[in-house]
PDB file of N, CA and C in Angstrom:
ATOM      1  N   MET A   1     -33.990 309.906 -15.066  1.00  0.00           N
ATOM      2  CA  MET A   1     -32.804 308.845 -15.326  1.00  0.00           C
ATOM      3  C   MET A   1     -31.651 309.496 -14.640  1.00  0.00           C
ATOM      4  N   SER A   2     -31.246 310.636 -14.681  1.00  0.00           N
ATOM      5  CA  SER A   2     -29.783 311.366 -13.975  1.00  0.00           C
ATOM      6  C   SER A   2     -29.924 311.513 -12.832  1.00  0.00           C
ATOM      7  N   ILE A   3     -29.041 311.835 -12.465  1.00  0.00           N
ATOM      8  CA  ILE A   3     -28.949 311.909 -10.398  1.00  0.00           C
ATOM      9  C   ILE A   3     -28.893 313.340 -10.325  1.00  0.00           C
ATOM     10  N   THR A   4     -29.356 313.751  -8.959  1.00  0.00           N
ATOM     11  CA  THR A   4     -29.609 315.133  -8.699  1.00  0.00           C
ATOM     12  C   THR A   4     -28.331 315.563  -8.465  1.00  0.00           C
ATOM     13  N   SER A   5     -28.042 316.750  -8.513  1.00  0.00           N
ATOM     14  CA  SER A   5     -26.841 317.213  -7.588  1.00  0.00           C
ATOM     15  C   SER A   5     -26.718 317.115  -6.470  1.00  0.00           C
ATOM     16  N   GLU A   6     -27.772 317.260  -5.375  1.00  0.00           N
ATOM     17  CA  GLU A   6     -27.459 317.120  -4.252  1.00  0.00           C
ATOM     18  C   GLU A   6     -27.314 315.309  -3.957  1.00  0.00           C
ATOM     19  N   ASP A   7     -27.591 314.501  -4.591  1.00  0.00           N
ATOM     20  CA  ASP A   7     -27.090 313.085  -4.752  1.00  0.00           C
ATOM     21  C   ASP A   7     -25.837 312.715  -5.145  1.00  0.00           C
ATOM     22  N   LYS A   8     -25.615 313.459  -5.929  1.00  0.00           N
ATOM     23  CA  LYS A   8     -24.249 313.615  -6.317  1.00  0.00           C
ATOM     24  C   LYS A   8     -23.554 314.278  -5.385  1.00  0.00           C
ATOM     25  N   GLN A   9     -23.542 314.964  -5.200  1.00  0.00           N
ATOM     26  CA  GLN A   9     -22.987 315.524  -3.477  1.00  0.00           C
ATOM     27  C   GLN A   9     -22.714 314.903  -2.047  1.00  0.00           C
ATOM     28  N   ASN A  10     -23.769 314.032  -2.221  1.00  0.00           N
ATOM     29  CA  ASN A  10     -23.701 313.075  -1.338  1.00  0.00           C
ATOM     30  C   ASN A  10     -23.174 311.929  -1.584  1.00  0.00           C
ATOM     31  N   LEU A  11     -22.759 311.390  -2.569  1.00  0.00           N
ATOM     32  CA  LEU A  11     -21.892 310.323  -3.090  1.00  0.00           C
ATOM     33  C   LEU A  11     -20.199 310.768  -2.882  1.00  0.00           C
ATOM     34  N   ILE A  12     -20.109 312.277  -3.652  1.00  0.00           N
ATOM     35  CA  ILE A  12     -18.771 312.826  -3.381  1.00  0.00           C
ATOM     36  C   ILE A  12     -18.074 312.664  -1.669  1.00  0.00           C
ATOM     37  N   SER A  13     -19.435 313.217  -1.013  1.00  0.00           N
ATOM     38  CA  SER A  13     -19.090 313.498   0.133  1.00  0.00           C
ATOM     39  C   SER A  13     -18.658 312.193   0.987  1.00  0.00           C
ATOM     40  N   LYS A  14     -19.361 310.895   0.862  1.00  0.00           N
ATOM     41  CA  LYS A  14     -19.394 309.586   1.386  1.00  0.00           C
ATOM     42  C   LYS A  14     -18.071 309.029   1.088  1.00  0.00           C
ATOM     43  N   PHE A  15     -17.713 309.288  -0.558  1.00  0.00           N
ATOM     44  CA  PHE A  15     -16.572 308.186  -0.810  1.00  0.00           C
ATOM     45  C   PHE A  15     -15.125 309.108  -1.257  1.00  0.00           C
ATOM     46  N   GLN A  16     -15.115 310.696  -1.037  1.00  0.00           N
ATOM     47  CA  GLN A  16     -14.136 311.016  -1.217  1.00  0.00           C
ATOM     48  C   GLN A  16     -12.753 310.762  -0.069  1.00  0.00           C
ATOM     49  N   ARG A  17     -11.944 310.965  -0.211  1.00  0.00           N
ATOM     50  CA  ARG A  17     -10.818 310.727   0.292  1.00  0.00           C
ATOM     51  C   ARG A  17      -9.789 311.660   0.749  1.00  0.00           C
ATOM     52  N   ASP A  18     -10.083 313.105   0.498  1.00  0.00           N
ATOM     53  CA  ASP A  18     -10.342 313.990   1.262  1.00  0.00           C
ATOM     54  C   ASP A  18     -10.887 315.232   0.866  1.00  0.00           C
ATOM     55  N   HIS A  19     -10.872 316.249   1.760  1.00  0.00           N
ATOM     56  CA  HIS A  19     -12.049 316.968   1.396  1.00  0.00           C
ATOM     57  C   HIS A  19     -11.968 317.787  -0.018  1.00  0.00           C
ATOM     58  N   LYS A  20     -10.927 317.833  -0.778  1.00  0.00           N
ATOM     59  CA  LYS A  20     -11.080 318.305  -2.170  1.00  0.00           C
ATOM     60  C   LYS A  20     -11.282 317.535  -2.883  1.00  0.00           C
ATOM     61  N   ASP A  21     -11.567 316.423  -2.697  1.00  0.00           N
ATOM     62  CA  ASP A  21     -11.260 315.117  -3.946  1.00  0.00           C
ATOM     63  C   ASP A  21     -13.048 314.996  -4.685  1.00  0.00           C
ATOM     64  N   THR A  22     -12.559 315.151  -5.871  1.00  0.00           N
ATOM     65  CA  THR A  22     -14.028 314.642  -6.655  1.00  0.00           C
ATOM     66  C   THR A  22     -13.862 313.445  -7.684  1.00  0.00           C
ATOM     67  N   GLY A  23     -12.506 313.485  -8.353  1.00  0.00           N
ATOM     68  CA  GLY A  23     -12.654 312.586  -9.497  1.00  0.00           C
ATOM     69  C   GLY A  23     -11.669 311.428  -8.870  1.00  0.00           C
ATOM     70  N   SER A  24     -11.801 310.861  -7.487  1.00  0.00           N
ATOM     71  CA  SER A  24     -11.396 309.952  -7.103  1.00  0.00           C
ATOM     72  C   SER A  24     -11.688 308.625  -7.783  1.00  0.00           C
ATOM     73  N   PRO A  25     -11.590 307.429  -8.045  1.00  0.00           N
ATOM     74  CA  PRO A  25     -12.100 306.065  -9.092  1.00  0.00           C
ATOM     75  C   PRO A  25     -13.208 305.897  -7.856  1.00  0.00           C
ATOM     76  N   GLU A  26     -12.769 305.505  -6.423  1.00  0.00           N
ATOM     77  CA  GLU A  26     -14.117 305.517  -5.726  1.00  0.00           C
ATOM     78  C   GLU A  26     -15.205 306.430  -5.780  1.00  0.00           C
ATOM     79  N   VAL A  27     -14.966 308.003  -6.303  1.00  0.00           N
ATOM     80  CA  VAL A  27     -16.272 308.732  -6.423  1.00  0.00           C
ATOM     81  C   VAL A  27     -16.482 308.308  -8.007  1.00  0.00           C
ATOM     82  N   GLN A  28     -15.898 308.177  -8.455  1.00  0.00           N
ATOM     83  CA  GLN A  28     -16.784 307.750 -10.078  1.00  0.00           C
ATOM     84  C   GLN A  28     -17.375 306.874 -10.226  1.00  0.00           C
ATOM     85  N   ILE A  29     -16.380 305.415  -8.990  1.00  0.00           N
ATOM     86  CA  ILE A  29     -17.704 303.998  -9.451  1.00  0.00           C
ATOM     87  C   ILE A  29     -18.959 304.464  -8.928  1.00  0.00           C
ATOM     88  N   SER A  30     -18.933 305.316  -7.611  1.00  0.00           N
ATOM     89  CA  SER A  30     -19.973 305.317  -6.527  1.00  0.00           C
ATOM     90  C   SER A  30     -21.480 306.123  -7.605  1.00  0.00           C
ATOM     91  N   ILE A  31     -20.649 307.104  -8.534  1.00  0.00           N
ATOM     92  CA  ILE A  31     -21.729 308.122  -8.981  1.00  0.00           C
ATOM     93  C   ILE A  31     -22.350 306.871 -10.537  1.00  0.00           C
ATOM     94  N   LEU A  32     -21.188 306.191 -10.910  1.00  0.00           N
ATOM     95  CA  LEU A  32     -21.701 305.339 -12.187  1.00  0.00           C
ATOM     96  C   LEU A  32     -22.809 304.070 -11.736  1.00  0.00           C
ATOM     97  N   THR A  33     -22.435 303.662 -10.345  1.00  0.00           N
ATOM     98  CA  THR A  33     -23.601 302.964 -10.616  1.00  0.00           C
ATOM     99  C   THR A  33     -24.397 303.384  -9.827  1.00  0.00           C
ATOM    100  N   THR A  34     -25.049 304.616  -9.467  1.00  0.00           N
ATOM    101  CA  THR A  34     -25.948 305.210  -9.376  1.00  0.00           C
ATOM    102  C   THR A  34     -26.844 305.194 -10.539  1.00  0.00           C
ATOM    103  N   ARG A  35     -25.850 305.727 -11.583  1.00  0.00           N
ATOM    104  CA  ARG A  35     -26.605 306.102 -12.452  1.00  0.00           C
ATOM    105  C   ARG A  35     -27.257 304.519 -13.255  1.00  0.00           C
ATOM    106  N   ILE A  36     -26.309 303.667 -12.990  1.00  0.00           N
ATOM    107  CA  ILE A  36     -26.748 302.274 -13.343  1.00  0.00           C
ATOM    108  C   ILE A  36     -28.065 301.789 -13.120  1.00  0.00           C
ATOM    109  N   LYS A  37     -28.246 302.195 -11.700  1.00  0.00           N
ATOM    110  CA  LYS A  37     -29.191 301.623 -10.640  1.00  0.00           C
ATOM    111  C   LYS A  37     -30.350 302.352 -11.681  1.00  0.00           C
ATOM    112  N   ASN A  38     -30.388 303.555 -11.770  1.00  0.00           N
ATOM    113  CA  ASN A  38     -31.583 304.347 -11.707  1.00  0.00           C
ATOM    114  C   ASN A  38     -31.646 304.136 -13.397  1.00  0.00           C
ATOM    115  N   LEU A  39     -30.903 303.435 -14.360  1.00  0.00           N
ATOM    116  CA  LEU A  39     -31.361 303.113 -15.723  1.00  0.00           C
ATOM    117  C   LEU A  39     -32.037 301.733 -15.851  1.00  0.00           C
ATOM    118  N   THR A  40     -31.437 300.767 -15.025  1.00  0.00           N
ATOM    119  CA  THR A  40     -32.238 300.021 -14.323  1.00  0.00           C
ATOM    120  C   THR A  40     -33.597 299.939 -14.695  1.00  0.00           C
ATOM    121  N   GLU A  41     -34.135 300.568 -13.576  1.00  0.00           N
ATOM    122  CA  GLU A  41     -35.282 300.915 -13.315  1.00  0.00           C
ATOM    123  C   GLU A  41     -35.981 301.705 -14.355  1.00  0.00           C
ATOM    124  N   HIS A  42     -35.457 302.461 -15.417  1.00  0.00           N
ATOM    125  CA  HIS A  42     -36.130 302.983 -16.610  1.00  0.00           C
ATOM    126  C   HIS A  42     -36.093 301.912 -17.581  1.00  0.00           C
ATOM    127  N   PHE A  43     -35.434 300.742 -17.473  1.00  0.00           N
ATOM    128  CA  PHE A  43     -35.549 299.628 -18.268  1.00  0.00           C
ATOM    129  C   PHE A  43     -37.054 298.714 -17.778  1.00  0.00           C
ATOM    130  N   LYS A  44     -37.400 298.603 -16.381  1.00  0.00           N
ATOM    131  CA  LYS A  44     -38.352 297.815 -16.208  1.00  0.00           C
ATOM    132  C   LYS A  44     -39.563 298.662 -16.972  1.00  0.00           C
ATOM    133  N   VAL A  45     -39.725 299.745 -16.799  1.00  0.00           N
ATOM    134  CA  VAL A  45     -41.286 300.320 -17.232  1.00  0.00           C
ATOM    135  C   VAL A  45     -40.569 300.704 -19.021  1.00  0.00           C
ATOM    136  N   ASN A  46     -39.731 300.999 -19.563  1.00  0.00           N
ATOM    137  CA  ASN A  46     -39.008 301.256 -21.092  1.00  0.00           C
ATOM    138  C   ASN A  46     -38.623 300.036 -21.918  1.00  0.00           C
ATOM    139  N   LYS A  47     -39.298 299.184 -21.961  1.00  0.00           N
ATOM    140  CA  LYS A  47     -38.553 298.159 -22.180  1.00  0.00           C
ATOM    141  C   LYS A  47     -37.872 298.187 -23.669  1.00  0.00           C
ATOM    142  N   LYS A  48     -38.521 298.673 -24.730  1.00  0.00           N
ATOM    143  CA  LYS A  48     -37.489 298.674 -26.078  1.00  0.00           C
ATOM    144  C   LYS A  48     -36.924 300.500 -26.550  1.00  0.00           C
ATOM    145  N   ASP A  49     -36.450 300.918 -25.112  1.00  0.00           N
ATOM    146  CA  ASP A  49     -35.505 301.794 -25.388  1.00  0.00           C
ATOM    147  C   ASP A  49     -34.345 301.297 -25.617  1.00  0.00           C
ATOM    148  N   HIS A  50     -33.789 301.148 -26.758  1.00  0.00           N
ATOM    149  CA  HIS A  50     -32.951 300.630 -27.332  1.00  0.00           C
ATOM    150  C   HIS A  50     -31.606 301.210 -27.320  1.00  0.00           C
ATOM    151  N   HIS A  51     -31.725 302.490 -27.229  1.00  0.00           N
ATOM    152  CA  HIS A  51     -30.705 303.678 -27.325  1.00  0.00           C
ATOM    153  C   HIS A  51     -30.356 304.106 -26.010  1.00  0.00           C
ATOM    154  N   SER A  52     -31.168 303.904 -25.331  1.00  0.00           N
ATOM    155  CA  SER A  52     -30.642 304.579 -23.992  1.00  0.00           C
ATOM    156  C   SER A  52     -29.843 302.915 -23.201  1.00  0.00           C
ATOM    157  N   ARG A  53     -30.453 301.737 -23.898  1.00  0.00           N
ATOM    158  CA  ARG A  53     -29.492 300.427 -23.302  1.00  0.00           C
ATOM    159  C   ARG A  53     -28.271 300.950 -23.610  1.00  0.00           C
ATOM    160  N   ARG A  54     -27.964 300.771 -25.112  1.00  0.00           N
ATOM    161  CA  ARG A  54     -26.499 301.441 -25.544  1.00  0.00           C
ATOM    162  C   ARG A  54     -25.724 302.160 -24.269  1.00  0.00           C
ATOM    163  N   GLY A  55     -26.225 303.199 -23.929  1.00  0.00           N
ATOM    164  CA  GLY A  55     -25.685 304.193 -23.031  1.00  0.00           C
ATOM    165  C   GLY A  55     -25.183 303.509 -21.795  1.00  0.00           C
ATOM    166  N   LEU A  56     -26.306 302.839 -21.322  1.00  0.00           N
ATOM    167  CA  LEU A  56     -26.272 301.560 -19.994  1.00  0.00           C
ATOM    168  C   LEU A  56     -24.486 300.828 -20.102  1.00  0.00           C
ATOM    169  N   LEU A  57     -24.768 300.173 -21.431  1.00  0.00           N
ATOM    170  CA  LEU A  57     -23.462 299.047 -21.547  1.00  0.00           C
ATOM    171  C   LEU A  57     -22.184 299.971 -21.436  1.00  0.00           C
ATOM    172  N   GLY A  58     -22.591 301.336 -21.936  1.00  0.00           N
ATOM    173  CA  GLY A  58     -20.837 301.743 -21.829  1.00  0.00           C
ATOM    174  C   GLY A  58     -20.715 302.439 -20.468  1.00  0.00           C
ATOM    175  N   LEU A  59     -21.551 303.177 -19.707  1.00  0.00           N
ATOM    176  CA  LEU A  59     -21.886 303.239 -18.348  1.00  0.00           C
ATOM    177  C   LEU A  59     -21.088 301.779 -17.338  1.00  0.00           C
ATOM    178  N   VAL A  60     -21.660 300.342 -17.619  1.00  0.00           N
ATOM    179  CA  VAL A  60     -20.988 299.569 -17.224  1.00  0.00           C
ATOM    180  C   VAL A  60     -19.474 299.254 -17.458  1.00  0.00           C
ATOM    181  N   SER A  61     -19.099 299.183 -19.003  1.00  0.00           N
ATOM    182  CA  SER A  61     -18.177 299.342 -18.983  1.00  0.00           C
ATOM    183  C   SER A  61     -16.724 299.897 -18.673  1.00  0.00           C
ATOM    184  N   ARG A  62     -17.384 301.491 -18.597  1.00  0.00           N
ATOM    185  CA  ARG A  62     -16.195 302.134 -18.245  1.00  0.00           C
ATOM    186  C   ARG A  62     -16.459 302.245 -16.361  1.00  0.00           C
ATOM    187  N   ARG A  63     -17.271 301.481 -15.362  1.00  0.00           N
ATOM    188  CA  ARG A  63     -17.078 301.507 -14.500  1.00  0.00           C
ATOM    189  C   ARG A  63     -16.803 300.030 -14.300  1.00  0.00           C
ATOM    190  N   ARG A  64     -16.467 298.839 -15.313  1.00  0.00           N
ATOM    191  CA  ARG A  64     -15.882 297.870 -14.956  1.00  0.00           C
ATOM    192  C   ARG A  64     -14.382 298.228 -14.624  1.00  0.00           C
ATOM    193  N   LYS A  65     -14.325 299.131 -15.914  1.00  0.00           N
ATOM    194  CA  LYS A  65     -12.546 299.349 -16.098  1.00  0.00           C
ATOM    195  C   LYS A  65     -11.968 299.892 -14.802  1.00  0.00           C
ATOM    196  N   LEU A  66     -12.826 300.519 -14.282  1.00  0.00           N
ATOM    197  CA  LEU A  66     -12.211 301.306 -13.423  1.00  0.00           C
ATOM    198  C   LEU A  66     -12.340 300.871 -12.146  1.00  0.00           C
ATOM    199  N   LEU A  67     -13.082 299.622 -11.740  1.00  0.00           N
ATOM    200  CA  LEU A  67     -12.566 298.772 -11.079  1.00  0.00           C
ATOM    201  C   LEU A  67     -11.703 298.152 -10.847  1.00  0.00           C
ATOM    202  N   THR A  68     -11.521 297.947 -12.001  1.00  0.00           N
ATOM    203  CA  THR A  68     -10.091 297.182 -12.497  1.00  0.00           C
ATOM    204  C   THR A  68      -8.834 297.601 -12.154  1.00  0.00           C
ATOM    205  N   TYR A  69      -9.014 298.858 -12.255  1.00  0.00           N
ATOM    206  CA  TYR A  69      -7.798 299.934 -12.262  1.00  0.00           C
ATOM    207  C   TYR A  69      -7.594 300.188 -10.852  1.00  0.00           C
ATOM    208  N   LEU A  70      -8.916 300.058  -9.773  1.00  0.00           N
ATOM    209  CA  LEU A  70      -8.550 299.806  -8.495  1.00  0.00           C
ATOM    210  C   LEU A  70      -8.335 298.956  -7.661  1.00  0.00           C
ATOM    211  N   LYS A  71      -8.684 298.266  -8.065  1.00  0.00           N
ATOM    212  CA  LYS A  71      -8.160 296.346  -7.981  1.00  0.00           C
ATOM    213  C   LYS A  71      -6.690 296.797  -8.065  1.00  0.00           C
ATOM    214  N   SER A  72      -6.042 297.022  -8.890  1.00  0.00           N
ATOM    215  CA  SER A  72      -4.419 296.604  -8.854  1.00  0.00           C
ATOM    216  C   SER A  72      -4.091 297.395  -8.667  1.00  0.00           C
ATOM    217  N   GLU A  73      -4.852 299.396  -7.958  1.00  0.00           N
ATOM    218  CA  GLU A  73      -3.960 299.830  -7.186  1.00  0.00           C
ATOM    219  C   GLU A  73      -4.175 299.631  -5.912  1.00  0.00           C
ATOM    220  N   ASN A  74      -5.225 299.251  -5.158  1.00  0.00           N
ATOM    221  CA  ASN A  74      -5.560 299.810  -3.719  1.00  0.00           C
ATOM    222  C   ASN A  74      -6.824 298.743  -3.750  1.00  0.00           C
ATOM    223  N   PHE A  75      -6.030 297.344  -2.896  1.00  0.00           N
ATOM    224  CA  PHE A  75      -7.015 295.861  -2.892  1.00  0.00           C
ATOM    225  C   PHE A  75      -8.044 296.148  -2.000  1.00  0.00           C
ATOM    226  N   LEU A  76      -7.251 297.147  -0.763  1.00  0.00           N
ATOM    227  CA  LEU A  76      -8.573 297.063   0.309  1.00  0.00           C
ATOM    228  C   LEU A  76      -9.451 297.969  -0.278  1.00  0.00           C
ATOM    229  N   SER A  77      -8.983 299.257  -0.646  1.00  0.00           N
ATOM    230  CA  SER A  77     -10.166 300.100  -1.391  1.00  0.00           C
ATOM    231  C   SER A  77     -11.148 299.589  -2.125  1.00  0.00           C
ATOM    232  N   TYR A  78     -10.866 298.476  -2.991  1.00  0.00           N
ATOM    233  CA  TYR A  78     -12.003 297.608  -4.306  1.00  0.00           C
ATOM    234  C   TYR A  78     -12.777 296.528  -3.320  1.00  0.00           C
ATOM    235  N   GLN A  79     -12.064 296.295  -1.770  1.00  0.00           N
ATOM    236  CA  GLN A  79     -12.825 295.279  -1.894  1.00  0.00           C
ATOM    237  C   GLN A  79     -14.146 296.064  -0.555  1.00  0.00           C
ATOM    238  N   LYS A  80     -13.736 297.185  -0.027  1.00  0.00           N
ATOM    239  CA  LYS A  80     -14.517 298.478   0.992  1.00  0.00           C
ATOM    240  C   LYS A  80     -15.371 299.064  -0.476  1.00  0.00           C
ATOM    241  N   MET A  81     -15.356 299.002  -1.629  1.00  0.00           N
ATOM    242  CA  MET A  81     -15.927 299.563  -2.169  1.00  0.00           C
ATOM    243  C   MET A  81     -17.283 298.436  -3.189  1.00  0.00           C
ATOM    244  N   LEU A  82     -17.022 297.391  -3.467  1.00  0.00           N
ATOM    245  CA  LEU A  82     -18.026 296.287  -3.712  1.00  0.00           C
ATOM    246  C   LEU A  82     -18.617 295.803  -2.728  1.00  0.00           C
ATOM    247  N   LYS A  83     -18.403 295.688  -0.914  1.00  0.00           N
ATOM    248  CA  LYS A  83     -19.329 295.639   0.042  1.00  0.00           C
ATOM    249  C   LYS A  83     -20.287 297.296   0.565  1.00  0.00           C
ATOM    250  N   GLU A  84     -19.574 298.274   0.047  1.00  0.00           N
ATOM    251  CA  GLU A  84     -20.923 298.777   0.032  1.00  0.00           C
ATOM    252  C   GLU A  84     -21.583 299.087  -0.675  1.00  0.00           C
ATOM    253  N   LEU A  85     -21.155 299.187  -2.223  1.00  0.00           N
ATOM    254  CA  LEU A  85     -22.129 299.716  -3.428  1.00  0.00           C
ATOM    255  C   LEU A  85     -23.034 298.054  -3.588  1.00  0.00           C
ATOM    256  N   GLY A  86     -22.544 297.093  -2.821  1.00  0.00           N
ATOM    257  CA  GLY A  86     -23.705 295.859  -3.126  1.00  0.00           C
ATOM    258  C   GLY A  86     -23.273 295.351  -4.472  1.00  0.00           C
ATOM    259  N   LEU A  87     -22.165 295.211  -4.609  1.00  0.00           N
ATOM    260  CA  LEU A  87     -21.240 294.567  -6.217  1.00  0.00           C
ATOM    261  C   LEU A  87     -21.264 293.382  -6.375  1.00  0.00           C
ATOM    262  N   ARG A  88     -21.522 292.543  -6.921  1.00  0.00           N
ATOM    263  CA  ARG A  88     -20.717 291.217  -7.266  1.00  0.00           C
ATOM    264  C   ARG A  88     -19.736 291.113  -7.617  1.00  0.00           C
ATOM    265  N   LYS A  89     -18.459 290.451  -7.202  1.00  0.00           N
ATOM    266  CA  LYS A  89     -17.178 289.829  -7.739  1.00  0.00           C
ATOM    267  C   LYS A  89     -16.406 289.006  -7.805  1.00  0.00           C
TER     268      LYS A  89
END
């Protein structure tokens, strides 16, 4: 269900603004999206795992808030993130 450190490093290097950036909204959104996709696959097998489903709702909410912030601060970056991650808005 969780992502490996190698996957996380790949996401950070792909979406970071500069070589020291690890906490920008783009990086956080990409990591959250990967975690959400992994949990979605988990729920296809474990339909009755309601405790993890509550965590999934929290992740989706956090990603939505970050996307709203990114949209208000940097609209071009927001559009780029939606396209690269395959999110609908």
